[in-house]
Amino acid sequence: MLWLYDLNLWFLGSSVVAVSVALAWTVCITARRLNWLIRSEDQGPAGLMHQFIGVLYAVALALLVVRVQGSYAQVEQAVVNEASAVSNLYRHLDGLEEPGRSRLQKLTRQYLDSVIQVEWPDQRN
């Protein structure tokens, strides 16, 4: 199911709507051709079935929200770990001799600037 994440959002949304409309249209045409009638005694079970489908939809939506929130927490933890690692690296560079220290500190600052100025805006898009 991870291949769904690779699909374009507009394509996925349009496909879901198109399949839903096609299915509803097919059911309506079939019901008309077979002369299905809804009797008053059939409305009780139909209502229960609608409630059951609604509950299933709510549970599926809740599970989706929990999964997205878990993914967000993992990304947040990865960002914290990277920031901590870069901070530790920068602090440990103070123990080096001068020609190498300033060069490595400059490279570390360039890396941070690249992450902040280039990578973060790219992730927002």
Protein backbone atom coordinates (compact mmCIF):
# COMPACT_ATOMS: atom_id res chain seq x y z
CA MET A 1 0.00 0.00 0.00
CA LEU A 2 2.99 2.33 0.16
CA TRP A 3 2.74 2.89 -3.59
CA LEU A 4 -0.27 5.12 -2.87
CA TYR A 5 2.10 7.71 -1.40
CA ASP A 6 3.88 7.99 -4.75
CA LEU A 7 0.73 8.88 -6.70
CA ASN A 8 -0.15 12.43 -7.57
CA LEU A 9 -2.78 13.74 -5.16
CA TRP A 10 -5.00 15.15 -7.90
CA PHE A 11 -4.88 11.87 -9.82
CA LEU A 12 -5.68 9.84 -6.72
CA GLY A 13 -8.56 12.09 -5.69
CA SER A 14 -10.01 12.16 -9.19
CA SER A 15 -9.74 8.39 -9.45
CA VAL A 16 -11.54 7.83 -6.15
CA VAL A 17 -14.34 10.20 -7.15
CA ALA A 18 -14.63 8.67 -10.63
CA VAL A 19 -14.82 5.11 -9.28
CA SER A 20 -17.39 6.14 -6.66
CA VAL A 21 -19.58 7.89 -9.22
CA ALA A 22 -19.30 4.98 -11.65
CA LEU A 23 -20.26 2.51 -8.93
CA ALA A 24 -23.24 4.60 -7.82
CA TRP A 25 -24.36 5.05 -11.42
CA THR A 26 -24.10 1.30 -12.06
CA VAL A 27 -26.16 0.49 -8.97
CA CYS A 28 -28.85 3.01 -9.94
CA ILE A 29 -29.11 1.69 -13.50
CA THR A 30 -29.21 -1.91 -12.27
CA ALA A 31 -31.92 -1.09 -9.72
CA ARG A 32 -34.06 0.57 -12.39
CA ARG A 33 -33.69 -2.29 -14.86
CA LEU A 34 -34.57 -4.90 -12.26
CA ASN A 35 -37.45 -2.79 -10.90
CA TRP A 36 -36.18 -2.95 -7.35
CA LEU A 37 -38.54 -1.23 -4.98
CA ILE A 38 -37.76 -0.08 -1.48
CA ARG A 39 -40.47 -1.24 0.86
CA SER A 40 -41.10 0.37 4.22
CA GLU A 41 -39.99 -2.76 6.08
CA ASP A 42 -36.62 -2.59 4.29
CA GLN A 43 -35.79 0.84 5.67
CA GLY A 44 -34.82 -0.42 9.14
CA PRO A 45 -32.04 -2.77 7.97
CA ALA A 46 -30.92 -0.19 5.42
CA GLY A 47 -30.53 2.38 8.18
CA LEU A 48 -28.51 -0.06 10.27
CA MET A 49 -26.30 -0.79 7.29
CA HIS A 50 -25.71 2.93 6.73
CA GLN A 51 -24.79 3.35 10.38
CA PHE A 52 -22.38 0.42 10.17
CA ILE A 53 -20.72 1.87 7.08
CA GLY A 54 -20.45 5.23 8.82
CA VAL A 55 -18.75 3.64 11.82
CA LEU A 56 -16.32 1.78 9.56
CA TYR A 57 -15.51 5.02 7.77
CA ALA A 58 -14.93 6.82 11.07
CA VAL A 59 -12.62 4.07 12.33
CA ALA A 60 -10.66 4.06 9.07
CA LEU A 61 -10.32 7.84 9.22
CA ALA A 62 -9.15 7.69 12.84
CA LEU A 63 -6.53 5.07 11.97
CA LEU A 64 -5.32 7.25 9.10
CA VAL A 65 -4.98 10.25 11.40
CA VAL A 66 -3.02 8.20 13.94
CA ARG A 67 -0.66 6.95 11.22
CA VAL A 68 -0.03 10.45 9.87
CA GLN A 69 0.58 11.76 13.37
CA GLY A 70 3.04 8.92 14.00
CA SER A 71 4.89 9.75 10.79
CA TYR A 72 5.04 13.39 11.84
CA ALA A 73 6.51 12.40 15.20
CA GLN A 74 9.19 10.31 13.47
CA VAL A 75 10.15 13.20 11.21
CA GLU A 76 10.28 15.56 14.17
CA GLN A 77 12.57 13.14 16.03
CA ALA A 78 14.85 12.86 12.99
CA VAL A 79 15.15 16.65 12.82
CA VAL A 80 15.97 16.85 16.52
CA ASN A 81 18.61 14.12 16.15
CA GLU A 82 20.25 15.86 13.20
CA ALA A 83 20.27 19.22 14.96
CA SER A 84 21.79 17.63 18.04
CA ALA A 85 24.47 15.88 15.98
CA VAL A 86 25.44 19.08 14.17
CA SER A 87 25.52 20.98 17.46
CA ASN A 88 27.77 18.34 19.02
CA LEU A 89 30.04 18.37 15.98
CA TYR A 90 30.39 22.14 16.10
CA ARG A 91 31.23 22.05 19.81
CA HIS A 92 33.79 19.28 19.37
CA LEU A 93 35.53 21.28 16.67
CA ASP A 94 36.70 23.70 19.36
CA GLY A 95 39.23 21.09 20.45
CA LEU A 96 41.03 21.01 17.10
CA GLU A 97 44.05 23.02 16.06
CA GLU A 98 43.40 26.32 14.33
CA PRO A 99 43.94 25.70 10.62
CA GLY A 100 41.54 22.75 10.56
CA ARG A 101 39.07 24.10 13.10
CA SER A 102 38.07 27.24 11.23
CA ARG A 103 37.77 25.34 7.95
CA LEU A 104 35.54 22.64 9.46
CA GLN A 105 33.43 25.21 11.31
CA LYS A 106 32.95 27.08 8.04
CA LEU A 107 31.89 23.85 6.30
CA THR A 108 29.48 23.09 9.14
CA ARG A 109 27.92 26.55 8.85
CA GLN A 110 27.62 26.10 5.08
CA TYR A 111 25.87 22.78 5.64
CA LEU A 112 23.42 24.37 8.07
CA ASP A 113 22.76 27.25 5.69
CA SER A 114 22.12 24.75 2.90
CA VAL A 115 19.68 22.80 5.03
CA ILE A 116 17.82 25.89 6.22
CA GLN A 117 17.81 27.85 2.96
CA VAL A 118 17.41 25.05 0.39
CA GLU A 119 16.22 21.75 1.83
CA TRP A 120 13.52 22.96 4.21
CA PRO A 121 11.77 25.14 1.60
CA ASP A 122 11.95 22.23 -0.87
CA GLN A 123 10.21 19.97 1.63
CA ARG A 124 7.36 22.44 2.06
CA ASN A 125 6.64 22.31 -1.66
